[in-house]
Amino acid sequence: MDLSNLKPAEGSVSNKGKRVGRGQGSGKGGTATRGHKGAKSRSGYSKKLGFEGGQMPLQRRVPKFGFTNINRKEYQGINLDTLQQLVDDKKIKDTVDFETLVGLGLAGKNDMVKILGRGELKASLKVSAHKFTAAAAKAIEAAGGEVVTL
């Protein structure tokens, strides 16, 4: 140990940063590094969320359009090819009701189910659901099945 590697004990010296606004003699008095005038020089200043310096903010510039219909009914769609796949996997036999679909995880217990017409159905099924597309109903009956609207 010699004079070249002396240093104060750990934690005994702290650098607290500039002390501004403590008189002209300090060199950091007067405007206290905030510049002259304007909102940022004032005490209590905080920039509002989305503020763009007085320019019309983006949130007010962009057009607003459309609306949300509070009476809209959402349906969980299930296609015919999905039903055929379940028949092939021997998960359903001859009837498909709402409880079966919930049990298989194809719909939630609070969902409304709509049978859609994608794919083809070879099996004869009795299908119960809230809604059917015209193509789906036609395909189910063509395969010898039955359509039951809940």
N, C-alpha and C. Protein backbone atom coordinates (compact mmCIF):
# COMPACT_ATOMS: atom_id res chain seq x y z
N MET A 1 0.85 -1.19 0.00
CA MET A 1 0.00 0.00 0.00
C MET A 1 0.88 1.24 0.00
N ASP A 2 0.56 2.19 -0.84
CA ASP A 2 1.28 3.47 -0.85
C ASP A 2 0.33 4.60 -1.22
N LEU A 3 0.83 5.79 -1.39
CA LEU A 3 0.00 6.95 -1.64
C LEU A 3 -0.76 6.88 -2.97
N SER A 4 -0.29 6.05 -3.91
CA SER A 4 -0.91 6.00 -5.23
C SER A 4 -2.23 5.22 -5.23
N ASN A 5 -2.42 4.34 -4.25
CA ASN A 5 -3.68 3.58 -4.25
C ASN A 5 -4.52 3.78 -2.99
N LEU A 6 -4.43 4.99 -2.41
CA LEU A 6 -5.30 5.31 -1.28
C LEU A 6 -6.68 5.72 -1.80
N LYS A 7 -7.73 5.28 -1.15
CA LYS A 7 -9.07 5.75 -1.48
C LYS A 7 -9.96 5.68 -0.24
N PRO A 8 -11.02 6.49 -0.20
CA PRO A 8 -11.86 6.48 1.00
C PRO A 8 -12.58 5.14 1.19
N ALA A 9 -13.02 4.88 2.41
CA ALA A 9 -13.71 3.62 2.72
C ALA A 9 -15.01 3.53 1.91
N GLU A 10 -15.43 2.31 1.62
CA GLU A 10 -16.64 2.05 0.85
C GLU A 10 -17.86 2.66 1.55
N GLY A 11 -18.62 3.44 0.82
CA GLY A 11 -19.85 4.03 1.36
C GLY A 11 -19.66 5.30 2.17
N SER A 12 -18.42 5.74 2.38
CA SER A 12 -18.22 6.93 3.21
C SER A 12 -18.35 8.22 2.41
N VAL A 13 -18.22 8.14 1.09
CA VAL A 13 -18.31 9.33 0.25
C VAL A 13 -19.45 9.11 -0.73
N SER A 14 -20.35 10.11 -0.83
CA SER A 14 -21.41 9.97 -1.80
C SER A 14 -21.47 11.20 -2.67
N ASN A 15 -21.79 11.02 -3.97
CA ASN A 15 -21.90 12.12 -4.90
C ASN A 15 -23.38 12.44 -5.05
N LYS A 16 -23.82 13.50 -4.42
CA LYS A 16 -25.24 13.82 -4.39
C LYS A 16 -25.71 14.54 -5.65
N GLY A 17 -24.82 14.89 -6.56
CA GLY A 17 -25.23 15.59 -7.77
C GLY A 17 -25.20 17.10 -7.57
N LYS A 18 -25.55 17.84 -8.63
CA LYS A 18 -25.51 19.31 -8.59
C LYS A 18 -26.48 19.85 -7.56
N ARG A 19 -26.03 20.88 -6.81
CA ARG A 19 -26.96 21.63 -5.96
C ARG A 19 -27.28 22.91 -6.70
N VAL A 20 -28.46 22.94 -7.33
CA VAL A 20 -28.81 24.09 -8.17
C VAL A 20 -29.68 25.06 -7.39
N GLY A 21 -29.70 26.31 -7.84
CA GLY A 21 -30.54 27.31 -7.22
C GLY A 21 -30.07 27.72 -5.84
N ARG A 22 -28.76 27.78 -5.61
CA ARG A 22 -28.21 28.15 -4.31
C ARG A 22 -27.38 29.43 -4.41
N GLY A 23 -27.87 30.37 -5.21
CA GLY A 23 -27.20 31.67 -5.29
C GLY A 23 -26.27 31.80 -6.48
N GLN A 24 -26.00 33.05 -6.86
CA GLN A 24 -25.18 33.31 -8.04
C GLN A 24 -23.75 32.82 -7.87
N GLY A 25 -23.23 32.90 -6.66
CA GLY A 25 -21.83 32.53 -6.44
C GLY A 25 -21.54 31.08 -6.74
N SER A 26 -22.55 30.23 -6.67
CA SER A 26 -22.34 28.80 -6.91
C SER A 26 -22.16 28.49 -8.39
N GLY A 27 -22.57 29.43 -9.27
CA GLY A 27 -22.52 29.17 -10.70
C GLY A 27 -23.74 28.41 -11.20
N LYS A 28 -24.60 27.99 -10.27
CA LYS A 28 -25.83 27.26 -10.64
C LYS A 28 -27.05 27.98 -10.08
N GLY A 29 -26.95 29.33 -9.94
CA GLY A 29 -28.06 30.10 -9.39
C GLY A 29 -28.94 30.61 -10.52
N GLY A 30 -29.66 31.68 -10.27
CA GLY A 30 -30.48 32.31 -11.32
C GLY A 30 -31.55 31.38 -11.83
N THR A 31 -31.41 30.91 -13.07
CA THR A 31 -32.42 30.03 -13.65
C THR A 31 -32.26 28.58 -13.21
N ALA A 32 -31.19 28.29 -12.48
CA ALA A 32 -30.95 26.94 -11.94
C ALA A 32 -31.02 25.87 -13.02
N THR A 33 -30.34 26.10 -14.12
CA THR A 33 -30.17 25.17 -15.26
C THR A 33 -31.48 24.87 -16.01
N ARG A 34 -32.57 25.64 -15.74
CA ARG A 34 -33.83 25.38 -16.42
C ARG A 34 -34.04 26.24 -17.66
N GLY A 35 -33.14 27.14 -17.97
CA GLY A 35 -33.33 28.01 -19.12
C GLY A 35 -34.28 29.14 -18.77
N HIS A 36 -34.72 29.90 -19.75
CA HIS A 36 -35.59 31.05 -19.51
C HIS A 36 -37.03 30.76 -19.91
N LYS A 37 -37.95 31.09 -19.04
CA LYS A 37 -39.40 31.04 -19.29
C LYS A 37 -39.90 29.68 -19.83
N GLY A 38 -41.18 29.61 -20.12
CA GLY A 38 -41.77 28.38 -20.65
C GLY A 38 -42.20 27.45 -19.54
N ALA A 39 -43.07 26.51 -19.89
CA ALA A 39 -43.67 25.62 -18.88
C ALA A 39 -42.61 24.82 -18.12
N LYS A 40 -41.56 24.37 -18.82
CA LYS A 40 -40.57 23.52 -18.16
C LYS A 40 -39.74 24.26 -17.12
N SER A 41 -39.75 25.60 -17.16
CA SER A 41 -38.97 26.34 -16.17
C SER A 41 -39.73 26.53 -14.87
N ARG A 42 -41.04 26.27 -14.88
CA ARG A 42 -41.86 26.54 -13.70
C ARG A 42 -41.82 25.39 -12.71
N SER A 43 -42.08 25.71 -11.45
CA SER A 43 -42.17 24.64 -10.45
C SER A 43 -43.53 23.96 -10.63
N GLY A 44 -43.60 22.70 -10.29
CA GLY A 44 -44.85 21.97 -10.40
C GLY A 44 -45.19 21.52 -11.80
N TYR A 45 -44.26 21.72 -12.76
CA TYR A 45 -44.54 21.33 -14.15
C TYR A 45 -44.56 19.81 -14.28
N SER A 46 -45.57 19.29 -14.96
CA SER A 46 -45.52 17.88 -15.38
C SER A 46 -46.22 17.80 -16.73
N LYS A 47 -45.60 17.12 -17.68
CA LYS A 47 -46.13 17.04 -19.03
C LYS A 47 -47.34 16.12 -19.04
N LYS A 48 -48.43 16.58 -19.64
CA LYS A 48 -49.63 15.75 -19.73
C LYS A 48 -49.40 14.60 -20.72
N LEU A 49 -50.03 13.48 -20.45
CA LEU A 49 -49.92 12.32 -21.32
C LEU A 49 -50.41 12.65 -22.72
N GLY A 50 -49.60 12.41 -23.74
CA GLY A 50 -50.00 12.69 -25.12
C GLY A 50 -49.82 14.13 -25.52
N PHE A 51 -49.21 14.98 -24.65
CA PHE A 51 -49.01 16.40 -24.98
C PHE A 51 -47.90 16.54 -26.00
N GLU A 52 -48.14 17.35 -27.04
CA GLU A 52 -47.16 17.50 -28.13
C GLU A 52 -46.74 18.95 -28.28
N GLY A 53 -46.59 19.65 -27.15
CA GLY A 53 -46.09 21.01 -27.20
C GLY A 53 -47.08 22.00 -27.77
N GLY A 54 -48.35 21.74 -27.68
CA GLY A 54 -49.35 22.66 -28.20
C GLY A 54 -49.83 22.28 -29.59
N GLN A 55 -49.04 21.43 -30.28
CA GLN A 55 -49.51 20.91 -31.57
C GLN A 55 -50.73 20.04 -31.31
N MET A 56 -51.65 19.97 -32.27
CA MET A 56 -52.85 19.15 -32.11
C MET A 56 -52.41 17.70 -31.91
N PRO A 57 -52.73 17.09 -30.76
CA PRO A 57 -52.22 15.74 -30.46
C PRO A 57 -52.78 14.68 -31.42
N LEU A 58 -52.01 13.64 -31.61
CA LEU A 58 -52.38 12.55 -32.51
C LEU A 58 -53.77 12.02 -32.19
N GLN A 59 -54.04 11.90 -30.91
CA GLN A 59 -55.31 11.32 -30.48
C GLN A 59 -56.49 12.18 -30.92
N ARG A 60 -56.28 13.48 -31.13
CA ARG A 60 -57.35 14.35 -31.61
C ARG A 60 -57.30 14.54 -33.12
N ARG A 61 -56.15 14.23 -33.74
CA ARG A 61 -56.01 14.41 -35.20
C ARG A 61 -56.66 13.28 -35.98
N VAL A 62 -56.57 12.06 -35.46
CA VAL A 62 -57.07 10.92 -36.24
C VAL A 62 -58.59 10.87 -36.21
N PRO A 63 -59.22 10.44 -37.31
CA PRO A 63 -60.68 10.42 -37.35
C PRO A 63 -61.24 9.29 -36.48
N LYS A 64 -62.39 9.57 -35.91
CA LYS A 64 -63.07 8.54 -35.15
C LYS A 64 -64.28 8.10 -35.98
N PHE A 65 -64.54 6.83 -36.04
CA PHE A 65 -65.69 6.36 -36.82
C PHE A 65 -66.16 5.03 -36.28
N GLY A 66 -67.36 4.66 -36.66
CA GLY A 66 -67.92 3.38 -36.27
C GLY A 66 -68.49 3.43 -34.87
N PHE A 67 -69.14 2.35 -34.48
CA PHE A 67 -69.67 2.26 -33.13
C PHE A 67 -69.78 0.79 -32.77
N THR A 68 -70.01 0.51 -31.49
CA THR A 68 -70.17 -0.85 -31.03
C THR A 68 -71.63 -1.07 -30.68
N ASN A 69 -72.25 -2.03 -31.34
CA ASN A 69 -73.65 -2.35 -31.07
C ASN A 69 -73.74 -3.13 -29.77
N ILE A 70 -74.42 -2.54 -28.77
CA ILE A 70 -74.48 -3.19 -27.46
C ILE A 70 -75.37 -4.43 -27.48
N ASN A 71 -76.18 -4.58 -28.52
CA ASN A 71 -77.07 -5.75 -28.60
C ASN A 71 -76.53 -6.88 -29.47
N ARG A 72 -75.26 -6.76 -29.90
CA ARG A 72 -74.67 -7.76 -30.78
C ARG A 72 -74.60 -9.12 -30.09
N LYS A 73 -74.94 -10.16 -30.85
CA LYS A 73 -74.83 -11.53 -30.34
C LYS A 73 -73.63 -12.20 -31.00
N GLU A 74 -72.73 -12.70 -30.19
CA GLU A 74 -71.54 -13.39 -30.69
C GLU A 74 -71.81 -14.90 -30.70
N TYR A 75 -71.49 -15.53 -31.82
CA TYR A 75 -71.66 -16.98 -31.92
C TYR A 75 -70.30 -17.65 -32.07
N GLN A 76 -70.17 -18.83 -31.47
CA GLN A 76 -68.96 -19.63 -31.64
C GLN A 76 -69.21 -20.52 -32.86
N GLY A 77 -68.41 -20.32 -33.90
CA GLY A 77 -68.63 -21.07 -35.14
C GLY A 77 -67.99 -22.45 -35.10
N ILE A 78 -68.72 -23.45 -35.56
CA ILE A 78 -68.18 -24.81 -35.67
C ILE A 78 -68.52 -25.32 -37.06
N ASN A 79 -67.51 -25.74 -37.80
CA ASN A 79 -67.69 -26.17 -39.18
C ASN A 79 -68.03 -27.65 -39.28
N LEU A 80 -68.59 -28.02 -40.43
CA LEU A 80 -68.97 -29.42 -40.66
C LEU A 80 -67.76 -30.34 -40.67
N ASP A 81 -66.62 -29.85 -41.22
CA ASP A 81 -65.44 -30.72 -41.26
C ASP A 81 -64.94 -31.04 -39.84
N THR A 82 -65.17 -30.13 -38.87
CA THR A 82 -64.81 -30.40 -37.47
C THR A 82 -65.69 -31.51 -36.91
N LEU A 83 -66.99 -31.46 -37.22
CA LEU A 83 -67.91 -32.51 -36.76
C LEU A 83 -67.54 -33.86 -37.37
N GLN A 84 -67.19 -33.85 -38.67
CA GLN A 84 -66.80 -35.09 -39.35
C GLN A 84 -65.53 -35.67 -38.72
N GLN A 85 -64.59 -34.79 -38.36
CA GLN A 85 -63.33 -35.21 -37.72
C GLN A 85 -63.63 -35.89 -36.37
N LEU A 86 -64.59 -35.32 -35.61
CA LEU A 86 -64.97 -35.90 -34.32
C LEU A 86 -65.60 -37.28 -34.50
N VAL A 87 -66.39 -37.44 -35.57
CA VAL A 87 -66.98 -38.74 -35.87
C VAL A 87 -65.89 -39.74 -36.22
N ASP A 88 -64.92 -39.30 -37.04
CA ASP A 88 -63.81 -40.17 -37.44
C ASP A 88 -62.97 -40.59 -36.23
N ASP A 89 -62.81 -39.67 -35.27
CA ASP A 89 -62.03 -39.96 -34.06
C ASP A 89 -62.86 -40.70 -33.01
N LYS A 90 -64.12 -41.03 -33.37
CA LYS A 90 -65.05 -41.75 -32.49
C LYS A 90 -65.31 -41.01 -31.17
N LYS A 91 -65.31 -39.67 -31.23
CA LYS A 91 -65.63 -38.87 -30.03
C LYS A 91 -67.13 -38.59 -29.95
N ILE A 92 -67.80 -38.61 -31.11
CA ILE A 92 -69.26 -38.49 -31.11
C ILE A 92 -69.83 -39.60 -31.99
N LYS A 93 -71.08 -40.03 -31.66
CA LYS A 93 -71.67 -41.11 -32.44
C LYS A 93 -72.80 -40.60 -33.34
N ASP A 94 -73.97 -40.36 -32.74
CA ASP A 94 -75.09 -39.99 -33.60
C ASP A 94 -75.75 -38.66 -33.23
N THR A 95 -75.54 -38.17 -32.01
CA THR A 95 -76.12 -36.88 -31.63
C THR A 95 -75.03 -35.91 -31.19
N VAL A 96 -75.20 -34.65 -31.61
CA VAL A 96 -74.29 -33.59 -31.18
C VAL A 96 -75.15 -32.51 -30.55
N ASP A 97 -75.07 -32.40 -29.21
CA ASP A 97 -75.81 -31.34 -28.55
C ASP A 97 -74.84 -30.35 -27.90
N PHE A 98 -75.39 -29.33 -27.30
CA PHE A 98 -74.57 -28.25 -26.73
C PHE A 98 -73.61 -28.79 -25.65
N GLU A 99 -74.12 -29.66 -24.79
CA GLU A 99 -73.28 -30.22 -23.70
C GLU A 99 -72.09 -30.99 -24.26
N THR A 100 -72.30 -31.72 -25.35
CA THR A 100 -71.21 -32.48 -26.00
C THR A 100 -70.13 -31.53 -26.48
N LEU A 101 -70.55 -30.44 -27.14
CA LEU A 101 -69.59 -29.47 -27.68
C LEU A 101 -68.80 -28.78 -26.57
N VAL A 102 -69.47 -28.47 -25.46
CA VAL A 102 -68.79 -27.85 -24.31
C VAL A 102 -67.80 -28.84 -23.71
N GLY A 103 -68.25 -30.09 -23.59
CA GLY A 103 -67.39 -31.15 -23.04
C GLY A 103 -66.13 -31.38 -23.85
N LEU A 104 -66.26 -31.25 -25.19
CA LEU A 104 -65.10 -31.45 -26.08
C LEU A 104 -64.25 -30.18 -26.20
N GLY A 105 -64.69 -29.09 -25.56
CA GLY A 105 -63.90 -27.86 -25.57
C GLY A 105 -64.06 -27.02 -26.83
N LEU A 106 -65.09 -27.32 -27.63
CA LEU A 106 -65.31 -26.55 -28.86
C LEU A 106 -66.09 -25.27 -28.59
N ALA A 107 -66.75 -25.20 -27.44
CA ALA A 107 -67.51 -24.00 -27.08
C ALA A 107 -67.48 -23.84 -25.58
N GLY A 108 -67.63 -22.58 -25.13
CA GLY A 108 -67.71 -22.32 -23.70
C GLY A 108 -69.14 -22.51 -23.22
N LYS A 109 -69.32 -22.65 -21.91
CA LYS A 109 -70.67 -22.91 -21.39
C LYS A 109 -71.62 -21.74 -21.57
N ASN A 110 -71.05 -20.52 -21.76
CA ASN A 110 -71.90 -19.34 -21.97
C ASN A 110 -71.98 -18.92 -23.44
N ASP A 111 -71.31 -19.67 -24.32
CA ASP A 111 -71.31 -19.32 -25.75
C ASP A 111 -72.62 -19.75 -26.41
N MET A 112 -72.90 -19.11 -27.55
CA MET A 112 -73.96 -19.59 -28.43
C MET A 112 -73.26 -20.19 -29.64
N VAL A 113 -73.77 -21.32 -30.12
CA VAL A 113 -73.07 -22.07 -31.17
C VAL A 113 -73.78 -21.92 -32.51
N LYS A 114 -72.98 -21.69 -33.55
CA LYS A 114 -73.52 -21.64 -34.90
C LYS A 114 -72.77 -22.67 -35.74
N ILE A 115 -73.51 -23.52 -36.43
CA ILE A 115 -72.89 -24.54 -37.28
C ILE A 115 -72.69 -23.94 -38.66
N LEU A 116 -71.44 -23.98 -39.14
CA LEU A 116 -71.06 -23.39 -40.42
C LEU A 116 -70.81 -24.47 -41.46
N GLY A 117 -70.87 -24.09 -42.73
CA GLY A 117 -70.91 -25.09 -43.81
C GLY A 117 -69.60 -25.49 -44.46
N ARG A 118 -68.43 -25.19 -43.86
CA ARG A 118 -67.17 -25.56 -44.50
C ARG A 118 -66.95 -27.07 -44.38
N GLY A 119 -66.44 -27.67 -45.43
CA GLY A 119 -66.16 -29.11 -45.42
C GLY A 119 -67.41 -29.91 -45.77
N GLU A 120 -67.26 -31.25 -45.70
CA GLU A 120 -68.42 -32.08 -45.99
C GLU A 120 -68.66 -33.06 -44.86
N LEU A 121 -69.93 -33.42 -44.70
CA LEU A 121 -70.34 -34.31 -43.62
C LEU A 121 -70.85 -35.61 -44.24
N LYS A 122 -70.22 -36.73 -43.85
CA LYS A 122 -70.65 -38.02 -44.38
C LYS A 122 -71.55 -38.74 -43.38
N ALA A 123 -71.32 -38.48 -42.07
CA ALA A 123 -72.06 -39.18 -41.02
C ALA A 123 -73.46 -38.60 -40.85
N SER A 124 -74.39 -39.47 -40.46
CA SER A 124 -75.76 -39.04 -40.18
C SER A 124 -75.83 -38.62 -38.71
N LEU A 125 -76.01 -37.32 -38.48
CA LEU A 125 -75.99 -36.80 -37.11
C LEU A 125 -77.25 -36.00 -36.79
N LYS A 126 -77.67 -36.07 -35.52
CA LYS A 126 -78.72 -35.17 -35.04
C LYS A 126 -78.00 -34.03 -34.33
N VAL A 127 -78.00 -32.85 -34.96
CA VAL A 127 -77.21 -31.72 -34.45
C VAL A 127 -78.11 -30.68 -33.82
N SER A 128 -77.82 -30.33 -32.54
CA SER A 128 -78.56 -29.28 -31.84
C SER A 128 -77.63 -28.09 -31.65
N ALA A 129 -78.06 -26.91 -32.11
CA ALA A 129 -77.26 -25.70 -31.93
C ALA A 129 -78.18 -24.49 -31.95
N HIS A 130 -77.61 -23.31 -31.63
CA HIS A 130 -78.41 -22.09 -31.59
C HIS A 130 -78.74 -21.59 -32.99
N LYS A 131 -77.80 -21.76 -33.94
CA LYS A 131 -78.03 -21.30 -35.31
C LYS A 131 -77.32 -22.22 -36.30
N PHE A 132 -77.81 -22.21 -37.53
CA PHE A 132 -77.20 -22.97 -38.62
C PHE A 132 -77.16 -22.08 -39.85
N THR A 133 -76.08 -22.20 -40.64
CA THR A 133 -76.10 -21.53 -41.94
C THR A 133 -76.95 -22.40 -42.87
N ALA A 134 -77.46 -21.82 -43.92
CA ALA A 134 -78.31 -22.56 -44.85
C ALA A 134 -77.55 -23.74 -45.45
N ALA A 135 -76.28 -23.51 -45.80
CA ALA A 135 -75.46 -24.57 -46.41
C ALA A 135 -75.24 -25.71 -45.42
N ALA A 136 -75.01 -25.37 -44.14
CA ALA A 136 -74.76 -26.40 -43.12
C ALA A 136 -76.02 -27.24 -42.90
N ALA A 137 -77.16 -26.58 -42.77
CA ALA A 137 -78.42 -27.29 -42.54
C ALA A 137 -78.72 -28.23 -43.71
N LYS A 138 -78.49 -27.75 -44.92
CA LYS A 138 -78.72 -28.55 -46.13
C LYS A 138 -77.82 -29.79 -46.15
N ALA A 139 -76.53 -29.57 -45.81
CA ALA A 139 -75.55 -30.67 -45.82
C ALA A 139 -75.86 -31.72 -44.77
N ILE A 140 -76.29 -31.28 -43.57
CA ILE A 140 -76.62 -32.24 -42.50
C ILE A 140 -77.82 -33.09 -42.91
N GLU A 141 -78.84 -32.44 -43.48
CA GLU A 141 -80.03 -33.19 -43.90
C GLU A 141 -79.75 -34.07 -45.11
N ALA A 142 -78.84 -33.63 -45.98
CA ALA A 142 -78.46 -34.44 -47.14
C ALA A 142 -77.74 -35.72 -46.71
N ALA A 143 -77.01 -35.63 -45.57
CA ALA A 143 -76.28 -36.80 -45.07
C ALA A 143 -77.20 -37.71 -44.25
N GLY A 144 -78.49 -37.32 -44.18
CA GLY A 144 -79.44 -38.16 -43.44
C GLY A 144 -79.57 -37.76 -41.97
N GLY A 145 -79.09 -36.59 -41.64
CA GLY A 145 -79.14 -36.14 -40.25
C GLY A 145 -80.35 -35.27 -39.97
N GLU A 146 -80.34 -34.68 -38.77
CA GLU A 146 -81.48 -33.86 -38.34
C GLU A 146 -80.93 -32.57 -37.74
N VAL A 147 -81.60 -31.45 -38.02
CA VAL A 147 -81.19 -30.14 -37.50
C VAL A 147 -82.18 -29.69 -36.44
N VAL A 148 -81.65 -29.39 -35.22
CA VAL A 148 -82.50 -28.92 -34.14
C VAL A 148 -81.98 -27.57 -33.68
N THR A 149 -82.82 -26.52 -33.82
CA THR A 149 -82.42 -25.18 -33.37
C THR A 149 -82.83 -24.99 -31.92
N LEU A 150 -81.87 -24.61 -31.10
CA LEU A 150 -82.13 -24.42 -29.65
C LEU A 150 -82.89 -23.12 -29.41
